[in-house]
Amino acid sequence: VFSVLPLPNTMSLTPKQIEEFQNKLNVEVKQIKELQGKNSKLISQKTQMIQQQSENELVKNELAMMEEDATVYKLVGPVLVQQDKEDATSIVDKRLEYINGELKRLDKQLTDNEEKSENHKKKALEIQQTAQAMAQKAAQAAQAAAAQSAQA
């Protein structure tokens, strides 16, 4: 979880500059939170797909252990319908192929979102560092001006 740190030593920055930095920072944090929400949904979908994959692998193994002339039934609503073993195996294989494709797609989306999130975190850090550097320069300039007026 990413949190917004207050901008350091902003007393030397103008209110407009502080607001500008804060707005930029808020945009980055919002993007990070949105990506985290999307990832949460994707992880839930992935978990569901893994469960379906597991169930289908189990069915595939059961079908492989059956004799060629064994009777296979498929549950369609409340009714058991007779089906060829070959057809059942083909359907399970296609279902597994689809599930594996979905898992790859979900993994890619998760990876892409993580990369985007890291980029937003870097931008947020850069914004904070820029604000800090500007505040330090402004403070140094104020100190130099105060030192010159004290000498005069």
Protein backbone atom coordinates (compact mmCIF):
# COMPACT_ATOMS: atom_id res chain seq x y z
CA VAL A 1 0.00 0.00 0.00
CA PHE A 2 1.32 3.38 -0.99
CA SER A 3 0.68 6.44 1.15
CA VAL A 4 1.15 10.12 0.50
CA LEU A 5 3.89 11.65 2.60
CA PRO A 6 3.52 15.34 3.39
CA LEU A 7 5.73 17.51 1.27
CA PRO A 8 8.87 18.21 3.32
CA ASN A 9 9.84 21.72 4.43
CA THR A 10 7.30 23.46 2.20
CA MET A 11 7.37 26.69 4.19
CA SER A 12 9.61 28.28 1.55
CA LEU A 13 7.34 27.38 -1.36
CA THR A 14 4.42 29.50 -2.46
CA PRO A 15 0.93 28.17 -1.73
CA LYS A 16 0.39 27.79 -5.48
CA GLN A 17 3.55 25.63 -5.80
CA ILE A 18 2.53 23.51 -2.82
CA GLU A 19 -0.94 22.99 -4.29
CA GLU A 20 0.55 22.09 -7.68
CA PHE A 21 2.87 19.48 -6.16
CA GLN A 22 0.08 18.09 -3.99
CA ASN A 23 -2.25 17.78 -7.00
CA LYS A 24 0.40 15.96 -9.02
CA LEU A 25 1.06 13.66 -6.09
CA ASN A 26 -2.67 12.98 -5.62
CA VAL A 27 -3.00 12.01 -9.30
CA GLU A 28 -0.19 9.46 -8.97
CA VAL A 29 -1.61 8.03 -5.73
CA LYS A 30 -5.07 7.75 -7.32
CA GLN A 31 -3.58 5.81 -10.24
CA ILE A 32 -1.74 3.47 -7.87
CA LYS A 33 -4.92 2.78 -5.89
CA GLU A 34 -6.91 2.12 -9.08
CA LEU A 35 -4.28 -0.37 -10.24
CA GLN A 36 -4.33 -2.09 -6.84
CA GLY A 37 -8.12 -2.44 -7.12
CA LYS A 38 -7.82 -3.89 -10.62
CA ASN A 39 -5.14 -6.32 -9.45
CA SER A 40 -7.37 -7.47 -6.62
CA LYS A 41 -10.13 -8.34 -9.12
CA LEU A 42 -7.64 -10.03 -11.45
CA ILE A 43 -6.26 -12.15 -8.60
CA SER A 44 -9.81 -13.22 -7.74
CA GLN A 45 -10.43 -14.19 -11.38
CA LYS A 46 -7.12 -16.04 -11.51
CA THR A 47 -7.98 -18.00 -8.36
CA GLN A 48 -11.29 -19.00 -9.94
CA MET A 49 -9.55 -20.09 -13.15
CA ILE A 50 -6.99 -22.14 -11.22
CA GLN A 51 -9.83 -23.90 -9.42
CA GLN A 52 -11.57 -24.65 -12.73
CA GLN A 53 -8.26 -25.85 -14.18
CA SER A 54 -7.83 -28.21 -11.24
CA GLU A 55 -11.34 -29.60 -11.61
CA ASN A 56 -10.90 -30.13 -15.34
CA GLU A 57 -7.53 -31.83 -14.85
CA LEU A 58 -9.23 -34.19 -12.41
CA VAL A 59 -11.97 -34.97 -14.95
CA LYS A 60 -9.35 -35.51 -17.66
CA ASN A 61 -7.47 -37.97 -15.43
CA GLU A 62 -10.69 -39.82 -14.58
CA LEU A 63 -11.57 -40.08 -18.28
CA ALA A 64 -8.08 -41.38 -19.07
CA MET A 65 -8.46 -44.18 -16.51
CA MET A 66 -11.79 -45.33 -17.98
CA GLU A 67 -12.05 -48.10 -20.54
CA GLU A 68 -12.78 -47.07 -24.13
CA ASP A 69 -16.30 -48.53 -24.10
CA ALA A 70 -17.23 -47.03 -20.72
CA THR A 71 -20.43 -45.03 -20.50
CA VAL A 72 -19.92 -41.35 -19.71
CA TYR A 73 -22.67 -39.02 -18.54
CA LYS A 74 -22.69 -35.26 -18.64
CA LEU A 75 -24.81 -33.19 -16.27
CA VAL A 76 -26.96 -30.76 -18.27
CA GLY A 77 -29.12 -28.81 -15.86
CA PRO A 78 -30.97 -31.40 -13.74
CA VAL A 79 -30.52 -34.19 -16.33
CA LEU A 80 -27.68 -36.66 -16.95
CA VAL A 81 -27.06 -37.01 -20.69
CA GLN A 82 -25.07 -39.90 -22.15
CA GLN A 83 -21.93 -38.86 -24.03
CA ASP A 84 -19.11 -40.62 -25.90
CA LYS A 85 -15.86 -40.84 -23.95
CA GLU A 86 -14.04 -39.36 -26.95
CA ASP A 87 -16.40 -36.35 -27.06
CA ALA A 88 -16.10 -35.83 -23.32
CA THR A 89 -12.30 -35.95 -23.52
CA SER A 90 -12.29 -33.50 -26.42
CA ILE A 91 -14.55 -31.07 -24.56
CA VAL A 92 -12.39 -31.22 -21.43
CA ASP A 93 -9.22 -30.68 -23.49
CA LYS A 94 -10.76 -27.61 -25.18
CA ARG A 95 -11.91 -26.28 -21.83
CA LEU A 96 -8.40 -26.72 -20.41
CA GLU A 97 -6.92 -24.97 -23.44
CA TYR A 98 -9.28 -22.02 -22.87
CA ILE A 99 -8.53 -21.89 -19.13
CA ASN A 100 -4.76 -21.96 -19.75
CA GLY A 101 -5.14 -19.09 -22.23
CA GLU A 102 -7.14 -17.10 -19.70
CA LEU A 103 -4.52 -17.73 -17.02
CA LYS A 104 -1.79 -16.42 -19.34
CA ARG A 105 -3.91 -13.35 -20.13
CA LEU A 106 -4.54 -12.67 -16.44
CA ASP A 107 -0.84 -13.09 -15.62
CA LYS A 108 0.08 -10.60 -18.35
CA GLN A 109 -2.47 -8.08 -17.06
CA LEU A 110 -1.15 -8.47 -13.51
CA THR A 111 2.44 -7.97 -14.69
CA ASP A 112 1.47 -4.92 -16.76
CA ASN A 113 -0.41 -3.40 -13.83
CA GLU A 114 2.54 -3.98 -11.50
CA GLU A 115 4.85 -2.21 -13.96
CA LYS A 116 2.42 0.71 -14.25
CA SER A 117 2.11 0.88 -10.48
CA GLU A 118 5.90 0.97 -10.08
CA ASN A 119 6.11 3.80 -12.63
CA HIS A 120 3.50 5.81 -10.72
CA LYS A 121 5.38 5.20 -7.46
CA LYS A 122 8.59 6.47 -9.08
CA LYS A 123 6.77 9.57 -10.38
CA ALA A 124 5.34 10.25 -6.92
CA LEU A 125 8.80 9.96 -5.39
CA GLU A 126 10.24 12.30 -8.05
CA ILE A 127 7.52 14.85 -7.29
CA GLN A 128 8.35 14.71 -3.58
CA GLN A 129 12.09 15.01 -4.27
CA THR A 130 11.54 17.97 -6.61
CA ALA A 131 9.42 19.74 -4.01
CA GLN A 132 12.05 19.09 -1.35
CA ALA A 133 14.85 20.38 -3.60
CA MET A 134 12.90 23.54 -4.43
CA ALA A 135 12.12 24.11 -0.75
CA GLN A 136 15.80 23.72 0.14
CA LYS A 137 16.88 26.17 -2.57
CA ALA A 138 14.26 28.68 -1.44
CA ALA A 139 15.35 28.29 2.19
CA GLN A 140 19.02 28.75 1.24
CA ALA A 141 18.16 31.86 -0.78
CA ALA A 142 16.20 33.25 2.17
CA GLN A 143 19.12 32.57 4.52
CA ALA A 144 21.56 34.22 2.13
CA ALA A 145 19.30 37.26 1.84
CA ALA A 146 18.96 37.44 5.63
CA ALA A 147 22.74 37.17 6.04
CA GLN A 148 23.30 39.98 3.53
CA SER A 149 20.78 42.26 5.26
CA ALA A 150 22.43 41.54 8.62
CA GLN A 151 25.82 42.56 7.20
CA ALA A 152 24.44 45.79 5.76
